[in-house]
């Protein structure tokens, strides 16, 4: 299966708040990220999917994104998510975003961070489940071996219109659950 599609489908099943954090971490680590798109919490997931599906017109570009996402998630979330120093690092990252968004009317991201801190025990359980699913993907569909098989296969690239429709329906369902 196309690894971009694998990531998009996995992410669509992750709890909304965790999906938002994953999008936040990945977009923040991009060398050319736009702080406005990250601080726009109402559209953060949509902005992430837009980035995910952009420039996937070749298998090599798709593989590059998959490897980058896999590395980002493994580095920032999988190995460090609940270490004390990483929690402090996350708080510092939030402070940077807050500082850079002051005066832009985008401070709702700070309210989200404060809400997340209050829900930490439940969120840890959701994170552990999400990370176990991620490990399964990295050892299976997103392994180097399977990515290489996909690259050499005749399978077509991810149909962006199909992806967009799937994304929109998943986002609408998540927003209904959240509200």
N, C-alpha and C. Protein backbone atom coordinates (compact mmCIF):
# COMPACT_ATOMS: atom_id res chain seq x y z
N UNK A 1 0.84 -1.19 0.00
CA UNK A 1 0.00 0.00 0.00
C UNK A 1 0.88 1.24 0.00
N UNK A 2 0.39 2.28 -0.60
CA UNK A 2 1.10 3.54 -0.65
C UNK A 2 1.36 4.04 0.78
N UNK A 3 2.60 4.34 1.13
CA UNK A 3 2.91 4.74 2.50
C UNK A 3 2.27 6.07 2.92
N UNK A 4 2.07 6.99 1.99
CA UNK A 4 1.37 8.24 2.32
C UNK A 4 -0.07 7.91 2.73
N UNK A 5 -0.69 7.01 1.99
CA UNK A 5 -2.06 6.59 2.31
C UNK A 5 -2.09 5.89 3.67
N UNK A 6 -1.08 5.08 3.94
CA UNK A 6 -0.99 4.39 5.23
C UNK A 6 -0.95 5.39 6.37
N UNK A 7 -0.12 6.42 6.23
CA UNK A 7 -0.02 7.44 7.28
C UNK A 7 -1.33 8.21 7.42
N UNK A 8 -1.91 8.60 6.30
CA UNK A 8 -3.17 9.36 6.33
C UNK A 8 -4.28 8.55 6.99
N UNK A 9 -4.38 7.27 6.66
CA UNK A 9 -5.42 6.43 7.25
C UNK A 9 -5.17 6.22 8.74
N UNK A 10 -3.92 5.97 9.12
CA UNK A 10 -3.60 5.80 10.54
C UNK A 10 -3.95 7.07 11.31
N UNK A 11 -3.53 8.19 10.79
CA UNK A 11 -3.75 9.46 11.48
C UNK A 11 -5.24 9.77 11.61
N UNK A 12 -6.04 9.37 10.62
CA UNK A 12 -7.48 9.65 10.67
C UNK A 12 -8.16 8.88 11.80
N UNK A 13 -7.53 7.82 12.31
CA UNK A 13 -8.12 7.00 13.37
C UNK A 13 -7.59 7.37 14.76
N UNK A 14 -6.61 8.23 14.81
CA UNK A 14 -6.01 8.66 16.06
C UNK A 14 -6.96 9.66 16.73
N UNK A 15 -7.08 9.63 18.07
CA UNK A 15 -7.93 10.62 18.74
C UNK A 15 -7.58 12.05 18.30
N UNK A 16 -8.60 12.87 18.18
CA UNK A 16 -8.47 14.22 17.61
C UNK A 16 -7.35 15.04 18.26
N UNK A 17 -7.30 15.07 19.58
CA UNK A 17 -6.28 15.88 20.27
C UNK A 17 -4.87 15.39 19.97
N UNK A 18 -4.71 14.07 19.92
CA UNK A 18 -3.39 13.51 19.63
C UNK A 18 -3.03 13.77 18.17
N UNK A 19 -4.00 13.65 17.29
CA UNK A 19 -3.78 13.96 15.88
C UNK A 19 -3.29 15.40 15.73
N UNK A 20 -3.89 16.30 16.50
CA UNK A 20 -3.49 17.71 16.46
C UNK A 20 -2.05 17.86 16.91
N UNK A 21 -1.68 17.16 17.99
CA UNK A 21 -0.30 17.27 18.47
C UNK A 21 0.70 16.69 17.48
N UNK A 22 0.36 15.58 16.86
CA UNK A 22 1.26 14.99 15.87
C UNK A 22 1.45 15.97 14.71
N UNK A 23 0.35 16.55 14.24
CA UNK A 23 0.45 17.54 13.16
C UNK A 23 1.32 18.71 13.61
N UNK A 24 1.12 19.16 14.84
CA UNK A 24 1.90 20.27 15.39
C UNK A 24 3.40 19.94 15.38
N UNK A 25 3.76 18.76 15.91
CA UNK A 25 5.17 18.40 15.99
C UNK A 25 5.80 18.28 14.61
N UNK A 26 5.13 17.60 13.70
CA UNK A 26 5.71 17.42 12.37
C UNK A 26 5.86 18.76 11.66
N UNK A 27 4.81 19.57 11.66
CA UNK A 27 4.89 20.86 10.97
C UNK A 27 5.93 21.77 11.60
N UNK A 28 6.07 21.74 12.91
CA UNK A 28 7.04 22.58 13.60
C UNK A 28 8.47 22.21 13.21
N UNK A 29 8.72 20.95 12.94
CA UNK A 29 10.07 20.51 12.61
C UNK A 29 10.44 20.73 11.14
N UNK A 30 9.47 21.08 10.33
CA UNK A 30 9.79 21.35 8.92
C UNK A 30 10.67 22.59 8.83
N UNK A 31 11.69 22.55 8.00
CA UNK A 31 12.59 23.69 7.91
C UNK A 31 11.92 24.98 7.46
N UNK A 32 10.87 24.88 6.67
CA UNK A 32 10.22 26.08 6.15
C UNK A 32 8.79 26.23 6.65
N UNK A 33 8.55 25.77 7.91
CA UNK A 33 7.18 25.84 8.42
C UNK A 33 6.74 27.29 8.58
N UNK A 34 5.44 27.48 8.43
CA UNK A 34 4.86 28.81 8.60
C UNK A 34 4.16 28.85 9.94
N UNK A 35 4.66 29.67 10.83
CA UNK A 35 4.13 29.73 12.19
C UNK A 35 2.63 30.00 12.20
N UNK A 36 2.13 30.78 11.25
CA UNK A 36 0.70 31.09 11.21
C UNK A 36 -0.13 29.82 10.99
N UNK A 37 0.36 28.92 10.14
CA UNK A 37 -0.39 27.69 9.86
C UNK A 37 -0.38 26.76 11.06
N UNK A 38 0.71 26.79 11.83
CA UNK A 38 0.79 25.93 13.01
C UNK A 38 -0.06 26.49 14.14
N UNK A 39 -0.04 27.79 14.32
CA UNK A 39 -0.79 28.42 15.41
C UNK A 39 -2.28 28.45 15.13
N UNK A 40 -2.69 28.21 13.91
CA UNK A 40 -4.10 28.20 13.52
C UNK A 40 -4.70 26.85 13.90
N UNK A 41 -5.04 26.69 15.19
CA UNK A 41 -5.49 25.39 15.68
C UNK A 41 -6.78 24.91 15.04
N UNK A 42 -7.61 25.83 14.60
CA UNK A 42 -8.86 25.43 13.95
C UNK A 42 -8.60 24.64 12.67
N UNK A 43 -7.49 24.95 12.00
CA UNK A 43 -7.19 24.34 10.71
C UNK A 43 -5.87 23.57 10.71
N UNK A 44 -5.33 23.30 11.89
CA UNK A 44 -4.01 22.65 11.98
C UNK A 44 -3.98 21.30 11.27
N UNK A 45 -4.97 20.47 11.53
CA UNK A 45 -4.99 19.14 10.91
C UNK A 45 -5.18 19.27 9.40
N UNK A 46 -6.06 20.15 9.00
CA UNK A 46 -6.26 20.37 7.56
C UNK A 46 -4.96 20.87 6.91
N UNK A 47 -4.26 21.78 7.58
CA UNK A 47 -2.97 22.27 7.06
C UNK A 47 -1.95 21.15 6.97
N UNK A 48 -1.98 20.24 7.94
CA UNK A 48 -1.07 19.09 7.91
C UNK A 48 -1.38 18.19 6.72
N UNK A 49 -2.65 17.86 6.53
CA UNK A 49 -3.02 17.01 5.40
C UNK A 49 -2.69 17.68 4.07
N UNK A 50 -2.89 18.97 4.02
CA UNK A 50 -2.54 19.72 2.80
C UNK A 50 -1.04 19.55 2.51
N UNK A 51 -0.22 19.70 3.54
CA UNK A 51 1.23 19.51 3.37
C UNK A 51 1.53 18.06 3.00
N UNK A 52 0.89 17.11 3.68
CA UNK A 52 1.15 15.69 3.44
C UNK A 52 0.89 15.31 1.99
N UNK A 53 -0.19 15.84 1.41
CA UNK A 53 -0.57 15.46 0.04
C UNK A 53 0.11 16.30 -1.03
N UNK A 54 0.71 17.41 -0.63
CA UNK A 54 1.37 18.30 -1.59
C UNK A 54 2.68 17.66 -2.07
N UNK A 55 2.97 17.85 -3.33
CA UNK A 55 4.23 17.36 -3.92
C UNK A 55 4.42 15.85 -3.78
N UNK A 56 3.35 15.11 -3.92
CA UNK A 56 3.47 13.65 -3.91
C UNK A 56 3.22 13.11 -5.32
N UNK A 57 3.77 13.84 -6.28
CA UNK A 57 3.58 13.48 -7.68
C UNK A 57 4.59 12.45 -8.17
N UNK A 58 5.49 12.05 -7.31
CA UNK A 58 6.42 10.98 -7.66
C UNK A 58 6.62 10.09 -6.44
N UNK A 59 7.01 8.87 -6.70
CA UNK A 59 7.24 7.94 -5.60
C UNK A 59 8.41 8.40 -4.73
N UNK A 60 9.44 8.97 -5.35
CA UNK A 60 10.58 9.42 -4.55
C UNK A 60 10.19 10.54 -3.59
N UNK A 61 9.39 11.49 -4.05
CA UNK A 61 8.93 12.57 -3.16
C UNK A 61 8.05 12.00 -2.04
N UNK A 62 7.20 11.07 -2.39
CA UNK A 62 6.34 10.44 -1.38
C UNK A 62 7.18 9.71 -0.34
N UNK A 63 8.17 8.98 -0.81
CA UNK A 63 9.05 8.24 0.11
C UNK A 63 9.80 9.22 1.00
N UNK A 64 10.27 10.32 0.44
CA UNK A 64 10.96 11.33 1.24
C UNK A 64 10.09 11.85 2.37
N UNK A 65 8.83 12.13 2.08
CA UNK A 65 7.91 12.60 3.13
C UNK A 65 7.68 11.52 4.17
N UNK A 66 7.49 10.29 3.72
CA UNK A 66 7.24 9.19 4.65
C UNK A 66 8.44 9.01 5.58
N UNK A 67 9.64 9.01 5.02
CA UNK A 67 10.83 8.84 5.86
C UNK A 67 10.99 10.00 6.84
N UNK A 68 10.67 11.20 6.38
CA UNK A 68 10.77 12.37 7.25
C UNK A 68 9.75 12.25 8.39
N UNK A 69 8.51 11.92 8.06
CA UNK A 69 7.48 11.79 9.10
C UNK A 69 7.84 10.67 10.06
N UNK A 70 8.27 9.55 9.52
CA UNK A 70 8.64 8.42 10.38
C UNK A 70 9.75 8.82 11.35
N UNK A 71 10.75 9.52 10.84
CA UNK A 71 11.86 9.95 11.68
C UNK A 71 11.41 10.99 12.70
N UNK A 72 10.63 11.97 12.27
CA UNK A 72 10.13 13.01 13.19
C UNK A 72 9.33 12.38 14.33
N UNK A 73 8.39 11.49 13.98
CA UNK A 73 7.55 10.89 15.02
C UNK A 73 8.40 10.01 15.93
N UNK A 74 9.29 9.23 15.36
CA UNK A 74 10.13 8.37 16.19
C UNK A 74 11.02 9.20 17.11
N UNK A 75 11.55 10.30 16.61
CA UNK A 75 12.47 11.12 17.40
C UNK A 75 11.74 11.98 18.44
N UNK A 76 10.70 12.69 18.02
CA UNK A 76 10.07 13.65 18.92
C UNK A 76 9.00 13.05 19.81
N UNK A 77 8.38 11.99 19.37
CA UNK A 77 7.24 11.47 20.11
C UNK A 77 7.51 10.09 20.69
N UNK A 78 7.90 9.16 19.85
CA UNK A 78 8.02 7.77 20.28
C UNK A 78 9.07 7.60 21.38
N UNK A 79 10.24 8.16 21.19
CA UNK A 79 11.30 7.91 22.16
C UNK A 79 11.33 8.89 23.32
N UNK A 80 10.65 10.03 23.19
CA UNK A 80 10.80 11.06 24.21
C UNK A 80 9.50 11.62 24.77
N UNK A 81 8.38 11.19 24.31
CA UNK A 81 7.13 11.89 24.59
C UNK A 81 6.86 12.15 26.06
N UNK A 82 7.13 11.22 26.95
CA UNK A 82 6.76 11.41 28.34
C UNK A 82 7.95 11.51 29.29
N UNK A 83 9.12 11.78 28.74
CA UNK A 83 10.27 12.06 29.60
C UNK A 83 10.13 13.48 30.14
N UNK A 84 10.58 13.69 31.38
CA UNK A 84 10.45 15.01 32.00
C UNK A 84 11.10 16.09 31.15
N UNK A 85 12.32 15.84 30.67
CA UNK A 85 13.00 16.87 29.87
C UNK A 85 12.26 17.15 28.57
N UNK A 86 11.59 16.14 28.01
CA UNK A 86 10.86 16.38 26.77
C UNK A 86 9.58 17.16 27.02
N UNK A 87 8.92 16.88 28.15
CA UNK A 87 7.74 17.65 28.48
C UNK A 87 8.11 19.12 28.65
N UNK A 88 9.28 19.37 29.26
CA UNK A 88 9.74 20.75 29.40
C UNK A 88 10.07 21.34 28.03
N UNK A 89 10.66 20.54 27.16
CA UNK A 89 10.98 20.99 25.80
C UNK A 89 9.70 21.32 25.04
N UNK A 90 8.67 20.49 25.21
CA UNK A 90 7.39 20.75 24.55
C UNK A 90 6.81 22.07 25.05
N UNK A 91 6.88 22.30 26.36
CA UNK A 91 6.38 23.55 26.91
C UNK A 91 7.15 24.74 26.35
N UNK A 92 8.46 24.57 26.17
CA UNK A 92 9.26 25.65 25.59
C UNK A 92 8.85 25.90 24.15
N UNK A 93 8.58 24.84 23.40
CA UNK A 93 8.12 24.98 22.02
C UNK A 93 6.79 25.74 21.97
N UNK A 94 5.88 25.39 22.88
CA UNK A 94 4.61 26.12 22.96
C UNK A 94 4.86 27.59 23.25
N UNK A 95 5.81 27.88 24.16
CA UNK A 95 6.10 29.28 24.49
C UNK A 95 6.62 30.05 23.26
N UNK A 96 7.44 29.39 22.45
CA UNK A 96 7.95 30.02 21.23
C UNK A 96 6.80 30.35 20.29
N UNK A 97 5.91 29.37 20.11
CA UNK A 97 4.76 29.60 19.24
C UNK A 97 3.91 30.74 19.79
N UNK A 98 3.70 30.75 21.10
CA UNK A 98 2.91 31.83 21.72
C UNK A 98 3.57 33.18 21.47
N UNK A 99 4.86 33.25 21.71
CA UNK A 99 5.60 34.51 21.53
C UNK A 99 5.51 34.99 20.08
N UNK A 100 5.60 34.08 19.13
CA UNK A 100 5.58 34.47 17.72
C UNK A 100 4.19 34.77 17.19
N UNK A 101 3.15 34.38 17.96
CA UNK A 101 1.79 34.62 17.49
C UNK A 101 1.10 35.77 18.23
N UNK A 102 1.77 36.34 19.22
CA UNK A 102 1.16 37.44 19.97
C UNK A 102 0.75 38.55 18.99
N UNK A 103 -0.47 39.03 19.16
CA UNK A 103 -0.97 40.09 18.30
C UNK A 103 -1.58 39.60 17.00
N UNK A 104 -1.55 38.30 16.76
CA UNK A 104 -2.09 37.76 15.51
C UNK A 104 -3.48 37.14 15.72
N UNK A 105 -4.00 37.23 16.93
CA UNK A 105 -5.32 36.65 17.20
C UNK A 105 -5.32 35.14 17.16
N UNK A 106 -4.19 34.51 17.37
CA UNK A 106 -4.09 33.05 17.27
C UNK A 106 -3.70 32.40 18.59
N UNK A 107 -4.05 33.01 19.70
CA UNK A 107 -3.61 32.50 20.99
C UNK A 107 -4.43 31.32 21.51
N UNK A 108 -5.41 30.85 20.73
CA UNK A 108 -6.18 29.70 21.18
C UNK A 108 -5.32 28.45 21.31
N UNK A 109 -4.17 28.44 20.68
CA UNK A 109 -3.27 27.30 20.80
C UNK A 109 -2.77 27.14 22.24
N UNK A 110 -2.62 28.24 22.96
CA UNK A 110 -2.18 28.20 24.35
C UNK A 110 -3.29 27.61 25.22
N UNK A 111 -4.52 27.98 24.96
CA UNK A 111 -5.64 27.40 25.70
C UNK A 111 -5.67 25.89 25.51
N UNK A 112 -5.39 25.43 24.28
CA UNK A 112 -5.36 24.00 24.00
C UNK A 112 -4.26 23.32 24.82
N UNK A 113 -3.09 23.94 24.91
CA UNK A 113 -1.99 23.37 25.67
C UNK A 113 -2.37 23.24 27.14
N UNK A 114 -3.00 24.27 27.69
CA UNK A 114 -3.40 24.22 29.10
C UNK A 114 -4.44 23.13 29.34
N UNK A 115 -5.36 22.98 28.42
CA UNK A 115 -6.37 21.91 28.50
C UNK A 115 -5.69 20.54 28.46
N UNK A 116 -4.70 20.39 27.59
CA UNK A 116 -3.98 19.13 27.48
C UNK A 116 -3.28 18.76 28.77
N UNK A 117 -2.73 19.74 29.47
CA UNK A 117 -2.04 19.48 30.74
C UNK A 117 -3.02 18.93 31.78
N UNK A 118 -4.24 19.43 31.80
CA UNK A 118 -5.23 18.96 32.77
C UNK A 118 -5.68 17.53 32.49
N UNK A 119 -5.62 17.12 31.25
CA UNK A 119 -6.09 15.80 30.85
C UNK A 119 -4.95 14.79 30.70
N UNK A 120 -3.81 15.05 31.31
CA UNK A 120 -2.61 14.26 31.09
C UNK A 120 -2.78 12.75 31.33
N UNK A 121 -3.39 12.28 32.43
CA UNK A 121 -3.49 10.82 32.63
C UNK A 121 -4.22 10.10 31.48
N UNK A 122 -5.37 10.62 31.08
CA UNK A 122 -6.11 10.00 29.99
C UNK A 122 -5.33 10.10 28.69
N UNK A 123 -4.72 11.24 28.48
CA UNK A 123 -3.95 11.45 27.27
C UNK A 123 -2.77 10.48 27.21
N UNK A 124 -2.15 10.17 28.31
CA UNK A 124 -1.04 9.21 28.31
C UNK A 124 -1.52 7.85 27.82
N UNK A 125 -2.70 7.42 28.29
CA UNK A 125 -3.24 6.13 27.82
C UNK A 125 -3.49 6.16 26.32
N UNK A 126 -4.09 7.26 25.85
CA UNK A 126 -4.34 7.38 24.40
C UNK A 126 -3.02 7.41 23.63
N UNK A 127 -2.04 8.12 24.16
CA UNK A 127 -0.74 8.19 23.50
C UNK A 127 -0.10 6.81 23.42
N UNK A 128 -0.15 6.04 24.51
CA UNK A 128 0.47 4.71 24.49
C UNK A 128 -0.18 3.82 23.43
N UNK A 129 -1.50 3.89 23.33
CA UNK A 129 -2.19 3.11 22.29
C UNK A 129 -1.77 3.58 20.90
N UNK A 130 -1.74 4.88 20.71
CA UNK A 130 -1.36 5.46 19.41
C UNK A 130 0.07 5.05 19.05
N UNK A 131 0.96 5.12 20.02
CA UNK A 131 2.36 4.79 19.74
C UNK A 131 2.55 3.30 19.48
N UNK A 132 1.78 2.45 20.13
CA UNK A 132 1.84 1.01 19.82
C UNK A 132 1.40 0.75 18.38
N UNK A 133 0.36 1.46 17.96
CA UNK A 133 -0.09 1.33 16.56
C UNK A 133 0.99 1.86 15.61
N UNK A 134 1.67 2.95 15.98
CA UNK A 134 2.73 3.51 15.16
C UNK A 134 3.89 2.53 15.03
N UNK A 135 4.27 1.90 16.12
CA UNK A 135 5.36 0.91 16.10
C UNK A 135 5.01 -0.21 15.13
N UNK A 136 3.76 -0.68 15.20
CA UNK A 136 3.31 -1.73 14.28
C UNK A 136 3.48 -1.27 12.83
N UNK A 137 3.09 -0.02 12.53
CA UNK A 137 3.23 0.49 11.16
C UNK A 137 4.70 0.55 10.74
N UNK A 138 5.55 1.01 11.65
CA UNK A 138 6.98 1.16 11.32
C UNK A 138 7.65 -0.19 11.10
N UNK A 139 7.16 -1.20 11.79
CA UNK A 139 7.72 -2.55 11.63
C UNK A 139 7.09 -3.29 10.44
N UNK A 140 5.97 -2.79 9.96
CA UNK A 140 5.26 -3.44 8.86
C UNK A 140 5.18 -2.55 7.63
N UNK A 141 4.01 -1.95 7.40
CA UNK A 141 3.79 -1.18 6.17
C UNK A 141 4.78 -0.03 5.93
N UNK A 142 5.31 0.57 6.99
CA UNK A 142 6.24 1.70 6.81
C UNK A 142 7.71 1.30 7.01
N UNK A 143 7.98 0.00 7.02
CA UNK A 143 9.37 -0.45 7.14
C UNK A 143 10.12 -0.14 5.85
N UNK A 144 11.43 -0.04 5.96
CA UNK A 144 12.24 0.22 4.77
C UNK A 144 11.95 -0.80 3.67
N UNK A 145 11.84 -2.06 4.07
CA UNK A 145 11.60 -3.14 3.11
C UNK A 145 10.28 -2.94 2.37
N UNK A 146 9.21 -2.62 3.09
CA UNK A 146 7.91 -2.44 2.45
C UNK A 146 7.84 -1.17 1.62
N UNK A 147 8.52 -0.12 2.07
CA UNK A 147 8.58 1.11 1.26
C UNK A 147 9.30 0.83 -0.05
N UNK A 148 10.38 0.07 0.02
CA UNK A 148 11.12 -0.28 -1.19
C UNK A 148 10.26 -1.14 -2.13
N UNK A 149 9.52 -2.09 -1.57
CA UNK A 149 8.62 -2.91 -2.40
C UNK A 149 7.59 -2.03 -3.10
N UNK A 150 7.02 -1.07 -2.36
CA UNK A 150 6.04 -0.17 -2.97
C UNK A 150 6.69 0.65 -4.08
N UNK A 151 7.91 1.12 -3.84
CA UNK A 151 8.61 1.93 -4.84
C UNK A 151 8.80 1.14 -6.14
N UNK A 152 9.08 -0.13 -6.02
CA UNK A 152 9.33 -0.96 -7.20
C UNK A 152 8.05 -1.54 -7.81
N UNK A 153 6.94 -1.36 -7.13
CA UNK A 153 5.68 -1.93 -7.61
C UNK A 153 5.06 -1.04 -8.69
N UNK A 154 4.00 -1.56 -9.27
CA UNK A 154 3.26 -0.81 -10.28
C UNK A 154 2.11 -0.02 -9.65
N UNK A 155 1.99 -0.11 -8.34
CA UNK A 155 0.90 0.61 -7.67
C UNK A 155 1.01 2.10 -7.95
N UNK A 156 -0.13 2.68 -8.24
CA UNK A 156 -0.15 4.10 -8.58
C UNK A 156 0.06 4.96 -7.35
N UNK A 157 0.33 6.22 -7.61
CA UNK A 157 0.47 7.18 -6.53
C UNK A 157 -0.87 7.38 -5.85
N UNK A 158 -0.84 7.96 -4.70
CA UNK A 158 -2.05 8.22 -3.91
C UNK A 158 -2.93 9.21 -4.66
N UNK A 159 -4.15 8.80 -4.92
CA UNK A 159 -5.11 9.66 -5.62
C UNK A 159 -5.50 10.81 -4.69
N UNK A 160 -5.09 12.02 -5.05
CA UNK A 160 -5.30 13.17 -4.17
C UNK A 160 -6.78 13.48 -3.97
N UNK A 161 -7.60 13.29 -4.98
CA UNK A 161 -9.03 13.56 -4.79
C UNK A 161 -9.64 12.54 -3.85
N UNK A 162 -9.23 11.29 -3.96
CA UNK A 162 -9.70 10.25 -3.04
C UNK A 162 -9.23 10.58 -1.63
N UNK A 163 -7.98 10.98 -1.52
CA UNK A 163 -7.41 11.33 -0.21
C UNK A 163 -8.13 12.52 0.39
N UNK A 164 -8.41 13.50 -0.42
CA UNK A 164 -9.07 14.72 0.06
C UNK A 164 -10.48 14.40 0.57
N UNK A 165 -11.22 13.58 -0.20
CA UNK A 165 -12.57 13.20 0.23
C UNK A 165 -12.54 12.42 1.53
N UNK A 166 -11.60 11.50 1.65
CA UNK A 166 -11.45 10.72 2.87
C UNK A 166 -11.09 11.63 4.04
N UNK A 167 -10.17 12.54 3.80
CA UNK A 167 -9.74 13.47 4.83
C UNK A 167 -10.90 14.33 5.30
N UNK A 168 -11.66 14.90 4.37
CA UNK A 168 -12.77 15.79 4.72
C UNK A 168 -13.81 15.05 5.56
N UNK A 169 -14.16 13.84 5.16
CA UNK A 169 -15.16 13.09 5.93
C UNK A 169 -14.63 12.73 7.32
N UNK A 170 -13.35 12.37 7.43
CA UNK A 170 -12.76 12.06 8.73
C UNK A 170 -12.69 13.30 9.61
N UNK A 171 -12.34 14.43 9.02
CA UNK A 171 -12.24 15.68 9.78
C UNK A 171 -13.62 16.11 10.29
N UNK A 172 -14.64 15.98 9.45
CA UNK A 172 -15.99 16.34 9.88
C UNK A 172 -16.46 15.44 11.02
N UNK A 173 -16.17 14.15 10.92
CA UNK A 173 -16.55 13.23 11.98
C UNK A 173 -15.81 13.56 13.28
N UNK A 174 -14.52 13.89 13.17
CA UNK A 174 -13.74 14.24 14.37
C UNK A 174 -14.24 15.51 15.01
N UNK A 175 -14.62 16.48 14.21
CA UNK A 175 -15.13 17.74 14.76
C UNK A 175 -16.46 17.52 15.48
N UNK A 176 -17.30 16.63 14.94
CA UNK A 176 -18.58 16.32 15.59
C UNK A 176 -18.33 15.67 16.95
N UNK A 177 -17.37 14.75 17.02
CA UNK A 177 -17.03 14.07 18.26
C UNK A 177 -16.47 15.09 19.26
N UNK A 178 -15.61 15.96 18.79
CA UNK A 178 -14.97 16.96 19.65
C UNK A 178 -16.01 17.92 20.23
N UNK A 179 -16.96 18.34 19.40
CA UNK A 179 -17.99 19.28 19.85
C UNK A 179 -18.97 18.56 20.76
